[in-house]
Amino acid sequence: QVQLVESGGGLVQAGGSLRLSCGASGLTFSTYVMGWFRQAPGKEREFVAAVSRGSGSTHYADSVKGRFTISRDNAKNTVYLQMNSLKPEDTAKYYCAAKMTMGFLREAVSITHNYDYWGQGTQVTVSS
């Protein structure tokens, strides 16, 4: 049974930082592209960042580029999202997701329904 478990969310002031983690089990982690998505109340789930299987490639949404960094540790079956310079508009529930794929196409890794497995999410709230 595949499980993705996010942690690290919380309440932070604007300009602050948080580091999200997502631990994976029940799958061969190194064979999956990993992504982070977020969903604010009343809005659709949106792409945040993705990292290729071997960490050689990353892709970010324009809204987070330069502020967020995605990384992974295949030895620990964990993907991270370092979030700096947080803004109130970053407030959302953040989800990690796993996509079984051989390649890393930016157009493909940013699409929600391309992912095979999802975590339950962790809430991030940024106060102004």
Foldseek 3Di string as FASTA:
>chain_A
DKAKAKDWADEEAAQAKIKMKIAIDDDQLLQWKKFKWWDAPPGDIWGAKIAHSVRPDMDGDPVQPPFWDWDDDSVRRMIMIIGGRDDQVVWTWMKMFIARDDDDDPVQVGDDVRTDDIHPTDTHGYHD
